[in-house]
Amino acid sequence: MFCRIVAHEAPATIRYEDADVIAFDAEPAATPLHVLVVPRNHIRSVAELADTELAGRLVLVSSRIAADAGAKSFRVATNSGAPLQDVFHLHWHVMAGDAMGHPAGIAFSRRTQKL
């Protein structure tokens, strides 16, 4: 599906695009700001990402998306492999919104507790 969006063959609300990267609204959105940032070239997952320049561009575009949306704090996340990854085209989730919890769960709890 993402390859079709990259090729402008499937509908999407595009937030950013250049020669290497495209960013579009996630449907359905999990948070008030939920944008997917993907490379134009098909790469299955972050585990297969070997281009450090492209990796940096994906992160910088993610940060720009959040800044353009006025997000004071935001999350950038990616998943690699099943069952965490549903769409096997590398993508970063840029998410922000007041209702977001801390993603680290137990690790965060341990850090805040005296061990």
Protein backbone atom coordinates (compact mmCIF):
# COMPACT_ATOMS: atom_id res chain seq x y z
CA MET A 1 0.00 0.00 0.00
CA PHE A 2 2.77 2.48 0.86
CA CYS A 3 4.39 1.96 -2.56
CA ARG A 4 1.07 2.99 -4.13
CA ILE A 5 0.94 6.13 -1.97
CA VAL A 6 4.56 6.95 -2.87
CA ALA A 7 3.62 6.63 -6.56
CA HIS A 8 0.50 8.80 -6.01
CA GLU A 9 -1.68 5.86 -7.08
CA ALA A 10 -3.55 5.66 -3.76
CA PRO A 11 -5.14 8.52 -1.83
CA ALA A 12 -3.31 10.07 1.12
CA THR A 13 -2.96 13.45 2.79
CA ILE A 14 0.65 14.30 1.98
CA ARG A 15 2.45 16.38 4.63
CA TYR A 16 5.90 16.43 3.00
CA GLU A 17 7.73 14.98 0.03
CA ASP A 18 11.08 15.25 -1.68
CA ALA A 19 13.15 13.02 -3.96
CA ASP A 20 13.84 10.46 -1.22
CA VAL A 21 11.11 10.73 1.44
CA ILE A 22 7.35 11.15 1.61
CA ALA A 23 5.22 11.78 4.72
CA PHE A 24 1.46 11.34 4.94
CA ASP A 25 -1.29 11.16 7.54
CA ALA A 26 -1.84 7.74 9.09
CA GLU A 27 -5.31 6.31 8.55
CA PRO A 28 -6.69 5.65 11.06
CA ALA A 29 -4.72 7.97 13.32
CA ALA A 30 -3.78 6.61 16.75
CA THR A 31 -3.05 10.09 18.17
CA PRO A 32 -4.09 13.65 17.27
CA LEU A 33 -0.89 13.98 15.20
CA HIS A 34 -0.03 10.69 13.50
CA VAL A 35 2.04 10.94 10.34
CA LEU A 36 3.98 8.18 8.58
CA VAL A 37 7.39 9.04 7.12
CA VAL A 38 8.60 6.56 4.50
CA PRO A 39 11.44 6.28 2.00
CA ARG A 40 10.35 6.38 -1.62
CA ASN A 41 12.49 3.32 -2.36
CA HIS A 42 11.01 0.14 -0.95
CA ILE A 43 12.91 -1.08 2.10
CA ARG A 44 11.16 -3.78 4.16
CA SER A 45 12.12 -2.59 7.65
CA VAL A 46 14.66 -0.69 9.71
CA ALA A 47 16.60 -3.96 9.99
CA GLU A 48 17.28 -3.72 6.25
CA LEU A 49 18.14 0.01 6.26
CA ALA A 50 21.83 0.31 5.33
CA ASP A 51 21.90 3.90 4.03
CA THR A 52 22.89 6.13 6.96
CA GLU A 53 22.18 9.31 5.00
CA LEU A 54 18.62 8.14 4.29
CA ALA A 55 18.20 7.14 7.95
CA GLY A 56 19.18 10.64 8.98
CA ARG A 57 16.81 12.19 6.44
CA LEU A 58 13.91 10.11 7.79
CA VAL A 59 14.60 11.34 11.31
CA LEU A 60 15.00 14.97 10.22
CA VAL A 61 11.77 14.88 8.22
CA SER A 62 10.04 13.35 11.25
CA SER A 63 11.25 16.23 13.40
CA ARG A 64 10.14 18.76 10.77
CA ILE A 65 6.65 17.22 10.63
CA ALA A 66 6.30 17.60 14.41
CA ALA A 67 7.61 21.18 14.34
CA ASP A 68 5.31 22.15 11.46
CA ALA A 69 2.37 20.76 13.46
CA GLY A 70 3.37 22.82 16.49
CA ALA A 71 4.06 19.75 18.65
CA LYS A 72 6.10 20.65 21.72
CA SER A 73 6.75 17.00 22.45
CA PHE A 74 6.37 14.05 20.14
CA ARG A 75 7.27 10.41 19.56
CA VAL A 76 9.11 8.91 16.58
CA ALA A 77 8.82 5.14 16.39
CA THR A 78 9.38 2.30 13.97
CA ASN A 79 8.82 -1.44 14.22
CA SER A 80 10.79 -4.22 12.59
CA GLY A 81 9.36 -7.64 11.81
CA ALA A 82 6.16 -9.44 12.66
CA PRO A 83 4.15 -9.29 14.82
CA LEU A 84 5.09 -5.66 15.54
CA GLN A 85 5.27 -4.57 11.90
CA ASP A 86 2.03 -4.80 9.89
CA VAL A 87 3.14 -3.06 6.68
CA PHE A 88 6.47 -4.28 5.33
CA HIS A 89 7.66 -0.96 3.93
CA LEU A 90 9.95 0.92 6.31
CA HIS A 91 8.07 3.73 8.03
CA TRP A 92 8.48 6.03 10.98
CA HIS A 93 5.41 7.00 13.03
CA VAL A 94 5.44 10.64 14.14
CA MET A 95 2.90 10.95 16.96
CA ALA A 96 1.89 13.69 19.35
CA GLY A 97 -1.06 14.55 21.54
CA ASP A 98 -1.97 15.24 25.14
CA ALA A 99 -3.34 11.74 25.80
CA MET A 100 -0.13 9.90 24.91
CA GLY A 101 1.42 7.84 27.68
CA HIS A 102 5.07 7.01 28.14
CA PRO A 103 6.04 4.29 25.65
CA ALA A 104 8.68 2.61 27.77
CA GLY A 105 6.17 1.16 30.24
CA ILE A 106 8.00 -1.09 32.69
CA ALA A 107 11.43 0.35 31.86
CA PHE A 108 10.13 3.83 32.72
CA SER A 109 8.58 2.52 35.94
CA ARG A 110 11.87 0.94 36.99
CA ARG A 111 13.80 4.12 36.29
CA THR A 112 11.51 6.15 38.53
CA GLN A 113 11.52 3.62 41.36
CA LYS A 114 14.42 3.09 43.74
CA LEU A 115 15.80 -0.37 43.12
